[in-house]
């Protein structure tokens, strides 16, 4: 298999100061049309598939084992789909397929597009935490999100297919794997993420304007849930490439 620097050629570590994820329900067929042939949608009740917008404050991103002062701090938005993949050993893996990524640092865009398939570009991003309110704004990305960190009192968004937070929690991670696919070579890149202390807390969504959803490929999407995790050490293993057997 040919070497590519985009195939996550070394392990990476970072610290998530905060990761706010808004999950959206979509018809299963919509997601199937957006993912490569090696993947299938990760569904709820065999009807709903899901996409997510992740809004992350990342600290100290660097090759694993390198000193902290070499790390990069940046804001990140990731637009991803929930999927499953059956590997060459017949094991079913849950994870994500990345549609697009944005960062507030030009250097991160360059490095992200050099070493990953996650489709980075640069935009403005502003995170603000005031008391129990977290807001994220971007003029360039037409992003205006505000949530209340209200603990057990948070309610699911109106129209959510989930009946309770327990059902929603299944799609709040950890989803350990991220997948990319080279259709010409019929090769799947699997990157495994390792988290510590992953304890998503439900949040109440007050504003949820996301330009990518309004103008992107997902069509009509229903806000299904929102969770926040904070202060999470995180690392990604070196990517593993295998031939797709389908």
Protein backbone atom coordinates (compact mmCIF):
# COMPACT_ATOMS: atom_id res chain seq x y z
CA UNK A 1 0.00 0.00 0.00
CA UNK A 2 1.39 3.38 -1.01
CA UNK A 3 2.48 5.75 1.75
CA UNK A 4 0.55 9.01 2.05
CA UNK A 5 1.26 11.71 4.65
CA UNK A 6 -2.50 12.34 4.77
CA UNK A 7 -3.06 8.92 6.35
CA UNK A 8 -2.41 10.13 9.89
CA UNK A 9 1.18 8.78 9.87
CA UNK A 10 1.92 9.32 13.58
CA UNK A 11 0.06 9.42 16.88
CA UNK A 12 -1.20 12.83 18.04
CA UNK A 13 -2.28 14.11 21.44
CA UNK A 14 -4.26 17.13 22.65
CA UNK A 15 -6.38 18.43 25.50
CA UNK A 16 -10.01 19.35 24.95
CA UNK A 17 -10.83 22.35 27.11
CA UNK A 18 -14.40 21.97 25.92
CA UNK A 19 -16.23 20.00 23.23
CA UNK A 20 -19.82 20.95 22.49
CA UNK A 21 -21.62 18.58 20.13
CA UNK A 22 -24.99 19.26 18.53
CA UNK A 23 -26.44 16.08 17.02
CA UNK A 24 -28.98 16.17 14.19
CA UNK A 25 -31.36 13.45 13.01
CA UNK A 26 -31.56 12.78 9.28
CA UNK A 27 -33.34 10.25 7.09
CA UNK A 28 -31.14 7.17 6.73
CA UNK A 29 -31.06 7.50 2.95
CA UNK A 30 -29.65 11.03 3.17
CA UNK A 31 -26.59 9.86 5.08
CA UNK A 32 -26.11 6.78 2.91
CA UNK A 33 -25.83 9.04 -0.14
CA UNK A 34 -23.03 11.07 1.52
CA UNK A 35 -20.71 8.31 2.73
CA UNK A 36 -18.37 5.97 0.82
CA UNK A 37 -19.41 2.46 -0.13
CA UNK A 38 -17.47 0.84 2.71
CA UNK A 39 -19.56 2.55 5.42
CA UNK A 40 -23.17 2.31 6.57
CA UNK A 41 -25.13 4.83 8.65
CA UNK A 42 -25.24 4.28 12.41
CA UNK A 43 -28.98 4.37 12.97
CA UNK A 44 -31.64 4.64 15.67
CA UNK A 45 -34.70 2.43 15.30
CA UNK A 46 -33.51 1.66 11.74
CA UNK A 47 -35.00 4.96 10.62
CA UNK A 48 -32.88 7.83 11.79
CA UNK A 49 -29.26 8.45 10.91
CA UNK A 50 -27.26 11.25 12.48
CA UNK A 51 -24.89 14.08 11.73
CA UNK A 52 -23.15 16.27 14.27
CA UNK A 53 -21.54 19.65 14.65
CA UNK A 54 -18.62 19.58 17.09
CA UNK A 55 -17.36 22.89 18.50
CA UNK A 56 -14.06 22.30 20.25
CA UNK A 57 -11.51 24.37 22.17
CA UNK A 58 -8.29 22.42 21.72
CA UNK A 59 -5.08 22.94 23.67
CA UNK A 60 -1.58 21.59 23.06
CA UNK A 61 -2.09 19.58 19.86
CA UNK A 62 1.20 17.88 19.00
CA UNK A 63 2.74 14.54 18.03
CA UNK A 64 2.28 12.16 20.93
CA UNK A 65 5.18 12.23 23.35
CA UNK A 66 6.43 15.67 22.28
CA UNK A 67 6.74 18.35 25.01
CA UNK A 68 3.72 20.52 25.71
CA UNK A 69 5.40 23.74 24.61
CA UNK A 70 5.43 22.40 21.04
CA UNK A 71 1.63 22.10 21.00
CA UNK A 72 -0.87 24.31 19.20
CA UNK A 73 -4.03 25.86 20.69
CA UNK A 74 -6.95 26.45 18.35
CA UNK A 75 -10.70 26.43 17.92
CA UNK A 76 -12.28 23.75 15.76
CA UNK A 77 -15.62 23.03 14.15
CA UNK A 78 -16.17 19.57 12.72
CA UNK A 79 -19.09 18.44 10.61
CA UNK A 80 -19.38 14.68 10.71
CA UNK A 81 -21.71 11.71 10.16
CA UNK A 82 -22.24 8.75 12.48
CA UNK A 83 -21.27 5.53 10.70
CA UNK A 84 -20.29 1.89 11.09
CA UNK A 85 -17.58 -0.11 9.36
CA UNK A 86 -16.92 -3.86 9.36
CA UNK A 87 -13.16 -4.41 9.27
CA UNK A 88 -11.16 -7.20 7.67
CA UNK A 89 -11.48 -9.33 10.82
CA UNK A 90 -15.26 -9.03 10.77
CA UNK A 91 -15.45 -6.65 13.73
CA UNK A 92 -18.08 -3.90 13.55
CA UNK A 93 -16.69 -0.49 14.46
CA UNK A 94 -18.67 2.63 15.35
CA UNK A 95 -17.27 5.97 14.39
CA UNK A 96 -17.38 9.10 12.27
CA UNK A 97 -17.00 10.19 8.67
CA UNK A 98 -15.80 13.80 8.34
CA UNK A 99 -17.56 16.04 5.85
CA UNK A 100 -15.68 19.24 6.65
CA UNK A 101 -13.52 20.87 9.34
CA UNK A 102 -12.83 24.50 10.20
CA UNK A 103 -10.24 26.11 12.43
CA UNK A 104 -9.35 29.61 13.54
CA UNK A 105 -5.63 29.12 12.84
CA UNK A 106 -4.14 29.12 9.34
CA UNK A 107 -1.30 26.89 10.50
CA UNK A 108 -3.77 24.27 11.68
CA UNK A 109 -5.51 24.34 8.31
CA UNK A 110 -2.19 23.65 6.56
CA UNK A 111 -1.15 20.87 8.95
CA UNK A 112 -4.62 19.36 9.05
CA UNK A 113 -4.80 19.10 5.27
CA UNK A 114 -1.26 17.75 5.09
CA UNK A 115 -1.72 14.91 7.59
CA UNK A 116 -5.48 14.13 7.45
CA UNK A 117 -8.41 13.81 5.05
CA UNK A 118 -10.61 16.08 7.18
CA UNK A 119 -11.00 18.97 4.70
CA UNK A 120 -9.91 21.96 6.79
CA UNK A 121 -10.37 25.60 6.02
CA UNK A 122 -9.86 28.69 8.17
CA UNK A 123 -12.56 30.91 9.61
CA UNK A 124 -13.13 33.14 12.63
CA UNK A 125 -14.26 31.40 15.82
CA UNK A 126 -15.17 32.89 19.19
CA UNK A 127 -15.93 30.85 22.33
CA UNK A 128 -17.41 32.55 25.39
CA UNK A 129 -18.31 30.96 28.73
CA UNK A 130 -20.27 33.12 31.17
CA UNK A 131 -21.66 31.35 34.20
CA UNK A 132 -23.84 28.53 32.92
CA UNK A 133 -23.92 29.83 29.34
CA UNK A 134 -21.55 28.76 26.56
CA UNK A 135 -21.72 30.50 23.20
CA UNK A 136 -19.81 29.98 19.97
CA UNK A 137 -19.88 32.49 17.11
CA UNK A 138 -18.37 32.77 13.64
CA UNK A 139 -19.23 35.37 11.04
CA UNK A 140 -17.41 33.51 8.28
CA UNK A 141 -19.11 30.21 9.05
CA UNK A 142 -22.52 31.79 9.78
CA UNK A 143 -22.41 30.16 13.19
CA UNK A 144 -24.39 31.34 16.22
CA UNK A 145 -24.75 28.71 18.93
CA UNK A 146 -25.67 29.20 22.57
CA UNK A 147 -26.36 26.55 25.18
CA UNK A 148 -27.21 26.51 28.85
CA UNK A 149 -25.20 24.14 31.00
CA UNK A 150 -28.16 23.20 33.16
CA UNK A 151 -27.34 19.64 34.18
CA UNK A 152 -30.14 17.12 34.74
CA UNK A 153 -32.78 19.79 34.16
CA UNK A 154 -31.93 20.12 30.46
CA UNK A 155 -34.68 18.96 28.12
CA UNK A 156 -34.34 17.35 24.72
CA UNK A 157 -34.97 19.62 21.73
CA UNK A 158 -38.51 19.68 20.38
CA UNK A 159 -38.91 17.10 17.63
CA UNK A 160 -36.01 14.93 18.77
CA UNK A 161 -36.46 11.24 17.84
CA UNK A 162 -35.02 10.32 21.24
CA UNK A 163 -37.47 9.72 24.06
CA UNK A 164 -34.96 10.42 26.82
CA UNK A 165 -31.35 11.39 27.46
CA UNK A 166 -30.41 7.74 27.88
CA UNK A 167 -31.23 7.05 24.24
CA UNK A 168 -29.49 10.24 23.15
CA UNK A 169 -26.37 9.35 25.17
CA UNK A 170 -25.63 6.43 22.82
CA UNK A 171 -24.83 8.99 20.11
CA UNK A 172 -22.76 11.23 22.39
CA UNK A 173 -19.65 9.08 22.23
CA UNK A 174 -17.13 8.05 22.70
CA UNK A 175 -17.24 6.99 19.08
CA UNK A 176 -13.69 5.68 18.93
CA UNK A 177 -12.97 5.58 15.20
CA UNK A 178 -12.77 7.99 12.27
CA UNK A 179 -12.85 6.60 8.73
CA UNK A 180 -11.60 7.79 5.35
CA UNK A 181 -11.76 5.91 2.05
CA UNK A 182 -9.64 5.82 -1.10
CA UNK A 183 -12.11 4.54 -3.70
CA UNK A 184 -9.43 4.09 -6.39
CA UNK A 185 -7.32 1.81 -4.19
CA UNK A 186 -10.33 0.46 -2.25
CA UNK A 187 -8.46 1.23 0.97
CA UNK A 188 -9.98 2.28 4.27
CA UNK A 189 -8.07 4.45 6.72
CA UNK A 190 -9.07 3.83 10.33
CA UNK A 191 -7.92 6.26 13.02
CA UNK A 192 -8.66 5.31 16.62
CA UNK A 193 -9.16 8.00 19.22
CA UNK A 194 -8.50 7.36 22.92
CA UNK A 195 -10.23 9.53 25.54
CA UNK A 196 -10.06 9.76 29.29
CA UNK A 197 -12.92 10.91 31.54
CA UNK A 198 -15.45 11.15 28.70
CA UNK A 199 -18.58 12.18 30.60
CA UNK A 200 -20.96 14.12 28.33
CA UNK A 201 -23.36 16.44 30.13
CA UNK A 202 -26.72 17.31 28.50
CA UNK A 203 -27.14 20.98 27.66
CA UNK A 204 -30.17 23.06 26.67
CA UNK A 205 -29.86 24.63 23.22
CA UNK A 206 -30.94 28.27 23.08
CA UNK A 207 -29.50 29.18 19.65
CA UNK A 208 -28.45 26.77 16.92
CA UNK A 209 -27.70 28.66 13.71
CA UNK A 210 -25.17 26.63 11.69
CA UNK A 211 -24.38 27.85 8.19
CA UNK A 212 -23.11 24.47 7.02
CA UNK A 213 -26.49 22.91 7.77
CA UNK A 214 -28.38 25.67 6.00
CA UNK A 215 -26.18 25.66 2.89
CA UNK A 216 -24.48 22.25 2.92
CA UNK A 217 -25.39 18.76 1.71
CA UNK A 218 -27.45 17.52 4.65
CA UNK A 219 -30.80 19.02 3.69
CA UNK A 220 -33.50 19.07 6.36
CA UNK A 221 -31.99 18.08 9.71
CA UNK A 222 -33.73 17.92 13.08
CA UNK A 223 -31.82 18.89 16.21
CA UNK A 224 -31.84 15.73 18.33
CA UNK A 225 -29.57 16.41 21.31
CA UNK A 226 -26.64 18.43 22.60
CA UNK A 227 -23.89 17.43 25.00
CA UNK A 228 -20.84 19.12 26.48
CA UNK A 229 -17.62 17.53 27.69
CA UNK A 230 -14.84 19.50 29.35
CA UNK A 231 -11.19 19.01 30.32
CA UNK A 232 -10.58 15.78 28.42
CA UNK A 233 -7.08 14.41 27.65
CA UNK A 234 -7.24 12.89 24.17
CA UNK A 235 -5.00 11.17 21.69
CA UNK A 236 -5.30 9.61 18.26
CA UNK A 237 -3.34 6.52 17.33
CA UNK A 238 -1.40 6.28 14.11
CA UNK A 239 -3.75 5.58 11.21
CA UNK A 240 -4.21 2.00 10.02
CA UNK A 241 -4.94 1.24 6.37
CA UNK A 242 -6.62 -1.92 5.13
CA UNK A 243 -8.17 -3.18 1.92
CA UNK A 244 -11.93 -3.07 1.89
CA UNK A 245 -13.30 -6.57 1.41
CA UNK A 246 -16.78 -5.58 0.20
